[in-house]
């Protein structure tokens, strides 16, 4: 794993996605109410819409255009119309920095 600094923790408000780019990857970074940080591919697989403009609800990120909700943990859609997953990325917090491995991970639907 080759972690790269993505942004500062303070740049990501609770339940408000932030779009960042690492290399050629557009990534939506989310911090939940418990302080856990997630990184998920920024493009909805249904309509090529930026997920970072969407809404966080519990452990999902909802596409603002068509309503598909994607699991922040696995990238799998939890509702239609999307049926393909988006990638997720390994994240770690070191001090005040959020570090992300820009290698996409496609997890099994479970």
N, C-alpha and C. Protein backbone atom coordinates (compact mmCIF):
# COMPACT_ATOMS: atom_id res chain seq x y z
N UNK A 1 0.83 -1.18 0.00
CA UNK A 1 0.00 0.00 0.00
C UNK A 1 0.87 1.24 0.00
N UNK A 2 0.51 2.18 -0.84
CA UNK A 2 1.24 3.44 -0.93
C UNK A 2 0.29 4.58 -0.57
N UNK A 3 0.19 4.86 0.70
CA UNK A 3 -0.71 5.91 1.15
C UNK A 3 -0.17 7.28 0.77
N UNK A 4 -1.11 8.16 0.38
CA UNK A 4 -0.78 9.53 0.04
C UNK A 4 -1.66 10.46 0.87
N UNK A 5 -1.14 11.61 1.20
CA UNK A 5 -1.94 12.60 1.92
C UNK A 5 -3.05 13.08 1.00
N UNK A 6 -4.28 13.00 1.47
CA UNK A 6 -5.43 13.43 0.68
C UNK A 6 -5.88 14.83 1.10
N UNK A 7 -5.97 15.05 2.41
CA UNK A 7 -6.42 16.32 2.94
C UNK A 7 -6.25 16.30 4.45
N UNK A 8 -6.59 17.41 5.08
CA UNK A 8 -6.58 17.48 6.54
C UNK A 8 -7.92 16.97 7.07
N UNK A 9 -7.91 16.40 8.25
CA UNK A 9 -9.15 15.94 8.88
C UNK A 9 -10.13 17.09 8.97
N UNK A 10 -9.66 18.27 9.31
CA UNK A 10 -10.55 19.43 9.48
C UNK A 10 -11.19 19.88 8.16
N UNK A 11 -10.66 19.42 7.03
CA UNK A 11 -11.25 19.76 5.73
C UNK A 11 -12.53 18.97 5.45
N UNK A 12 -12.78 17.92 6.22
CA UNK A 12 -13.94 17.05 5.99
C UNK A 12 -14.89 17.18 7.18
N UNK A 13 -15.96 17.91 6.98
CA UNK A 13 -16.97 18.08 8.03
C UNK A 13 -17.80 16.80 8.14
N UNK A 14 -18.32 16.54 9.31
CA UNK A 14 -19.11 15.34 9.55
C UNK A 14 -20.29 15.28 8.58
N UNK A 15 -20.46 14.13 7.95
CA UNK A 15 -21.56 13.83 7.03
C UNK A 15 -21.63 14.76 5.82
N UNK A 16 -20.50 15.36 5.45
CA UNK A 16 -20.43 16.22 4.27
C UNK A 16 -19.28 15.74 3.38
N UNK A 17 -19.60 15.09 2.27
CA UNK A 17 -18.54 14.56 1.40
C UNK A 17 -17.66 15.65 0.81
N UNK A 18 -16.41 15.31 0.60
CA UNK A 18 -15.44 16.21 -0.03
C UNK A 18 -14.80 15.45 -1.19
N UNK A 19 -14.72 16.10 -2.34
CA UNK A 19 -14.09 15.48 -3.51
C UNK A 19 -12.61 15.83 -3.51
N UNK A 20 -11.78 14.81 -3.66
CA UNK A 20 -10.33 15.01 -3.80
C UNK A 20 -9.87 14.19 -5.01
N UNK A 21 -8.70 14.50 -5.49
CA UNK A 21 -8.10 13.72 -6.57
C UNK A 21 -6.72 13.26 -6.14
N UNK A 22 -6.48 11.98 -6.33
CA UNK A 22 -5.16 11.39 -6.11
C UNK A 22 -4.78 10.71 -7.41
N UNK A 23 -3.78 11.23 -8.07
CA UNK A 23 -3.41 10.70 -9.38
C UNK A 23 -4.58 10.86 -10.31
N UNK A 24 -5.01 9.77 -10.93
CA UNK A 24 -6.16 9.84 -11.84
C UNK A 24 -7.46 9.40 -11.18
N UNK A 25 -7.46 9.28 -9.86
CA UNK A 25 -8.64 8.84 -9.12
C UNK A 25 -9.39 10.02 -8.51
N UNK A 26 -10.68 10.16 -8.83
CA UNK A 26 -11.56 11.10 -8.14
C UNK A 26 -12.21 10.33 -7.00
N UNK A 27 -12.08 10.87 -5.78
CA UNK A 27 -12.49 10.15 -4.58
C UNK A 27 -13.36 11.06 -3.72
N UNK A 28 -14.45 10.50 -3.19
CA UNK A 28 -15.28 11.20 -2.22
C UNK A 28 -14.84 10.76 -0.83
N UNK A 29 -14.45 11.71 0.00
CA UNK A 29 -14.02 11.43 1.36
C UNK A 29 -15.15 11.84 2.30
N UNK A 30 -15.49 10.94 3.23
CA UNK A 30 -16.59 11.18 4.16
C UNK A 30 -16.12 10.87 5.58
N UNK A 31 -16.50 11.74 6.52
CA UNK A 31 -16.27 11.48 7.95
C UNK A 31 -17.64 11.34 8.60
N UNK A 32 -17.88 10.20 9.25
CA UNK A 32 -19.20 9.99 9.86
C UNK A 32 -19.25 10.59 11.26
N UNK A 33 -20.42 10.50 11.88
CA UNK A 33 -20.61 11.13 13.19
C UNK A 33 -19.76 10.50 14.28
N UNK A 34 -19.28 9.28 14.07
CA UNK A 34 -18.39 8.63 15.03
C UNK A 34 -16.92 8.99 14.78
N UNK A 35 -16.66 9.76 13.71
CA UNK A 35 -15.30 10.18 13.39
C UNK A 35 -14.58 9.26 12.42
N UNK A 36 -15.22 8.17 12.01
CA UNK A 36 -14.58 7.26 11.06
C UNK A 36 -14.55 7.90 9.68
N UNK A 37 -13.44 7.72 8.97
CA UNK A 37 -13.26 8.32 7.66
C UNK A 37 -13.32 7.23 6.59
N UNK A 38 -14.05 7.53 5.51
CA UNK A 38 -14.21 6.61 4.40
C UNK A 38 -13.79 7.31 3.11
N UNK A 39 -13.34 6.51 2.14
CA UNK A 39 -13.01 7.02 0.81
C UNK A 39 -13.65 6.08 -0.20
N UNK A 40 -14.43 6.67 -1.11
CA UNK A 40 -15.22 5.90 -2.07
C UNK A 40 -15.10 6.59 -3.43
N UNK A 41 -15.14 5.82 -4.49
CA UNK A 41 -15.08 6.40 -5.84
C UNK A 41 -16.13 7.49 -5.99
N UNK A 42 -15.77 8.57 -6.65
CA UNK A 42 -16.64 9.74 -6.71
C UNK A 42 -17.68 9.70 -7.83
N UNK A 43 -17.68 8.69 -8.67
CA UNK A 43 -18.62 8.67 -9.80
C UNK A 43 -19.68 7.59 -9.62
N UNK A 44 -20.94 8.00 -9.63
CA UNK A 44 -22.06 7.05 -9.55
C UNK A 44 -22.00 6.13 -10.77
N UNK A 45 -22.20 4.85 -10.53
CA UNK A 45 -22.13 3.88 -11.64
C UNK A 45 -23.41 3.86 -12.46
N UNK A 46 -24.42 4.55 -12.03
CA UNK A 46 -25.66 4.61 -12.81
C UNK A 46 -25.65 5.77 -13.78
N UNK A 47 -25.23 6.95 -13.34
CA UNK A 47 -25.37 8.11 -14.20
C UNK A 47 -24.16 9.00 -14.32
N UNK A 48 -22.98 8.52 -13.93
CA UNK A 48 -21.75 9.30 -14.03
C UNK A 48 -21.90 10.67 -13.38
N UNK A 49 -22.45 10.67 -12.16
CA UNK A 49 -22.67 11.88 -11.36
C UNK A 49 -21.69 11.86 -10.19
N UNK A 50 -21.21 13.03 -9.80
CA UNK A 50 -20.29 13.13 -8.67
C UNK A 50 -21.00 12.77 -7.37
N UNK A 51 -20.53 11.73 -6.70
CA UNK A 51 -21.11 11.33 -5.42
C UNK A 51 -20.77 12.31 -4.30
N UNK A 52 -19.69 13.05 -4.45
CA UNK A 52 -19.33 14.01 -3.40
C UNK A 52 -20.32 15.16 -3.30
N UNK A 53 -21.21 15.27 -4.27
CA UNK A 53 -22.27 16.27 -4.21
C UNK A 53 -23.55 15.68 -3.60
N UNK A 54 -23.46 14.43 -3.16
CA UNK A 54 -24.62 13.73 -2.62
C UNK A 54 -24.78 13.90 -1.12
N UNK A 55 -25.56 12.99 -0.56
CA UNK A 55 -25.98 13.08 0.84
C UNK A 55 -25.53 11.85 1.62
N UNK A 56 -25.01 12.08 2.81
CA UNK A 56 -24.60 10.99 3.69
C UNK A 56 -25.77 10.64 4.60
N UNK A 57 -26.08 9.34 4.65
CA UNK A 57 -27.11 8.85 5.55
C UNK A 57 -26.61 7.56 6.17
N UNK A 58 -26.42 7.58 7.47
CA UNK A 58 -25.86 6.43 8.19
C UNK A 58 -24.53 6.04 7.54
N UNK A 59 -24.43 4.81 7.00
CA UNK A 59 -23.17 4.37 6.39
C UNK A 59 -23.28 4.32 4.87
N UNK A 60 -24.09 5.22 4.28
CA UNK A 60 -24.23 5.27 2.82
C UNK A 60 -24.01 6.68 2.31
N UNK A 61 -23.69 6.75 1.03
CA UNK A 61 -23.58 8.01 0.31
C UNK A 61 -24.56 7.94 -0.85
N UNK A 62 -25.50 8.89 -0.88
CA UNK A 62 -26.58 8.87 -1.86
C UNK A 62 -26.28 9.80 -3.02
N UNK A 63 -26.45 9.29 -4.23
CA UNK A 63 -26.32 10.09 -5.44
C UNK A 63 -27.46 11.10 -5.48
N UNK A 64 -27.14 12.37 -5.61
CA UNK A 64 -28.16 13.41 -5.57
C UNK A 64 -29.09 13.37 -6.79
N UNK A 65 -28.64 12.81 -7.91
CA UNK A 65 -29.42 12.87 -9.13
C UNK A 65 -30.50 11.79 -9.22
N UNK A 66 -30.16 10.56 -8.84
CA UNK A 66 -31.11 9.46 -9.04
C UNK A 66 -31.43 8.68 -7.78
N UNK A 67 -30.78 9.01 -6.67
CA UNK A 67 -31.15 8.41 -5.39
C UNK A 67 -30.49 7.11 -5.02
N UNK A 68 -29.62 6.56 -5.84
CA UNK A 68 -28.92 5.34 -5.43
C UNK A 68 -28.04 5.62 -4.23
N UNK A 69 -28.07 4.72 -3.26
CA UNK A 69 -27.23 4.85 -2.07
C UNK A 69 -26.14 3.78 -2.14
N UNK A 70 -24.90 4.21 -1.91
CA UNK A 70 -23.75 3.32 -1.95
C UNK A 70 -23.18 3.14 -0.55
N UNK A 71 -22.86 1.90 -0.21
CA UNK A 71 -22.24 1.61 1.08
C UNK A 71 -20.87 2.26 1.15
N UNK A 72 -20.61 2.99 2.22
CA UNK A 72 -19.29 3.60 2.41
C UNK A 72 -18.23 2.55 2.71
N UNK A 73 -18.64 1.39 3.19
CA UNK A 73 -17.70 0.32 3.56
C UNK A 73 -17.33 -0.57 2.38
N UNK A 74 -18.29 -0.83 1.49
CA UNK A 74 -18.04 -1.79 0.40
C UNK A 74 -18.14 -1.19 -0.99
N UNK A 75 -18.81 -0.05 -1.14
CA UNK A 75 -19.02 0.55 -2.45
C UNK A 75 -20.24 0.01 -3.18
N UNK A 76 -20.89 -1.01 -2.64
CA UNK A 76 -22.04 -1.61 -3.32
C UNK A 76 -23.28 -0.75 -3.16
N UNK A 77 -24.07 -0.63 -4.24
CA UNK A 77 -25.32 0.12 -4.14
C UNK A 77 -26.30 -0.59 -3.22
N UNK A 78 -26.99 0.20 -2.42
CA UNK A 78 -27.98 -0.33 -1.49
C UNK A 78 -29.40 -0.11 -2.01
N UNK A 79 -29.50 0.63 -3.11
CA UNK A 79 -30.81 0.89 -3.71
C UNK A 79 -30.63 1.14 -5.21
N UNK A 80 -31.69 0.92 -5.94
CA UNK A 80 -31.69 1.17 -7.38
C UNK A 80 -31.78 2.68 -7.63
N UNK A 81 -31.41 3.15 -8.80
CA UNK A 81 -31.24 2.40 -10.03
C UNK A 81 -29.84 1.83 -10.25
N UNK A 82 -28.84 2.21 -9.46
CA UNK A 82 -27.49 1.66 -9.65
C UNK A 82 -27.47 0.19 -9.24
N UNK A 83 -26.68 -0.61 -9.96
CA UNK A 83 -26.51 -2.01 -9.59
C UNK A 83 -25.06 -2.45 -9.64
N UNK A 84 -24.16 -1.55 -10.04
CA UNK A 84 -22.73 -1.85 -10.05
C UNK A 84 -22.06 -1.07 -8.91
N UNK A 85 -21.05 -1.66 -8.27
CA UNK A 85 -20.38 -0.97 -7.17
C UNK A 85 -19.41 0.10 -7.65
N UNK A 86 -19.10 1.01 -6.76
CA UNK A 86 -18.01 1.94 -6.96
C UNK A 86 -16.84 1.44 -6.11
N UNK A 87 -15.62 1.80 -6.46
CA UNK A 87 -14.50 1.33 -5.66
C UNK A 87 -14.45 2.03 -4.30
N UNK A 88 -13.84 1.38 -3.36
CA UNK A 88 -13.51 1.98 -2.08
C UNK A 88 -11.99 2.02 -1.98
N UNK A 89 -11.49 2.79 -1.04
CA UNK A 89 -10.05 2.97 -0.90
C UNK A 89 -9.68 2.84 0.57
N UNK A 90 -8.51 2.26 0.83
CA UNK A 90 -8.01 2.17 2.20
C UNK A 90 -7.67 3.56 2.70
N UNK A 91 -8.04 3.81 3.96
CA UNK A 91 -7.86 5.12 4.59
C UNK A 91 -7.19 4.94 5.93
N UNK A 92 -6.34 5.87 6.29
CA UNK A 92 -5.85 5.95 7.66
C UNK A 92 -5.66 7.42 8.02
N UNK A 93 -5.83 7.68 9.29
CA UNK A 93 -5.66 9.04 9.81
C UNK A 93 -4.39 9.05 10.64
N UNK A 94 -3.49 9.97 10.30
CA UNK A 94 -2.25 10.15 11.05
C UNK A 94 -2.19 11.60 11.50
N UNK A 95 -2.34 11.80 12.80
CA UNK A 95 -2.36 13.17 13.31
C UNK A 95 -3.55 13.92 12.74
N UNK A 96 -3.26 15.01 12.05
CA UNK A 96 -4.31 15.84 11.46
C UNK A 96 -4.55 15.54 9.99
N UNK A 97 -3.89 14.51 9.46
CA UNK A 97 -3.97 14.22 8.03
C UNK A 97 -4.76 12.95 7.73
N UNK A 98 -5.50 12.99 6.61
CA UNK A 98 -6.16 11.82 6.08
C UNK A 98 -5.30 11.30 4.94
N UNK A 99 -4.89 10.04 5.05
CA UNK A 99 -4.07 9.38 4.04
C UNK A 99 -4.91 8.31 3.34
N UNK A 100 -4.78 8.25 2.02
CA UNK A 100 -5.54 7.29 1.24
C UNK A 100 -4.60 6.56 0.29
N UNK A 101 -4.81 5.24 0.19
CA UNK A 101 -4.13 4.46 -0.84
C UNK A 101 -4.97 4.59 -2.11
N UNK A 102 -4.45 5.19 -3.18
CA UNK A 102 -5.25 5.43 -4.38
C UNK A 102 -5.51 4.20 -5.25
N UNK A 103 -5.13 3.02 -4.77
CA UNK A 103 -5.42 1.79 -5.50
C UNK A 103 -6.86 1.38 -5.22
N UNK A 104 -7.73 1.36 -6.24
CA UNK A 104 -9.13 1.02 -6.00
C UNK A 104 -9.31 -0.42 -5.53
N UNK A 105 -10.28 -0.61 -4.65
CA UNK A 105 -10.63 -1.93 -4.13
C UNK A 105 -12.09 -2.18 -4.49
N UNK A 106 -12.37 -3.33 -5.07
CA UNK A 106 -13.74 -3.73 -5.35
C UNK A 106 -14.05 -4.89 -4.43
N UNK A 107 -14.94 -4.66 -3.48
CA UNK A 107 -15.25 -5.68 -2.48
C UNK A 107 -16.44 -6.52 -2.93
N UNK A 108 -16.50 -7.72 -2.38
CA UNK A 108 -17.65 -8.60 -2.65
C UNK A 108 -18.89 -7.99 -2.00
N UNK A 109 -20.03 -8.26 -2.60
CA UNK A 109 -21.30 -7.77 -2.06
C UNK A 109 -21.70 -8.68 -0.91
N UNK A 110 -21.57 -8.15 0.30
CA UNK A 110 -21.99 -8.94 1.48
C UNK A 110 -22.56 -8.05 2.54
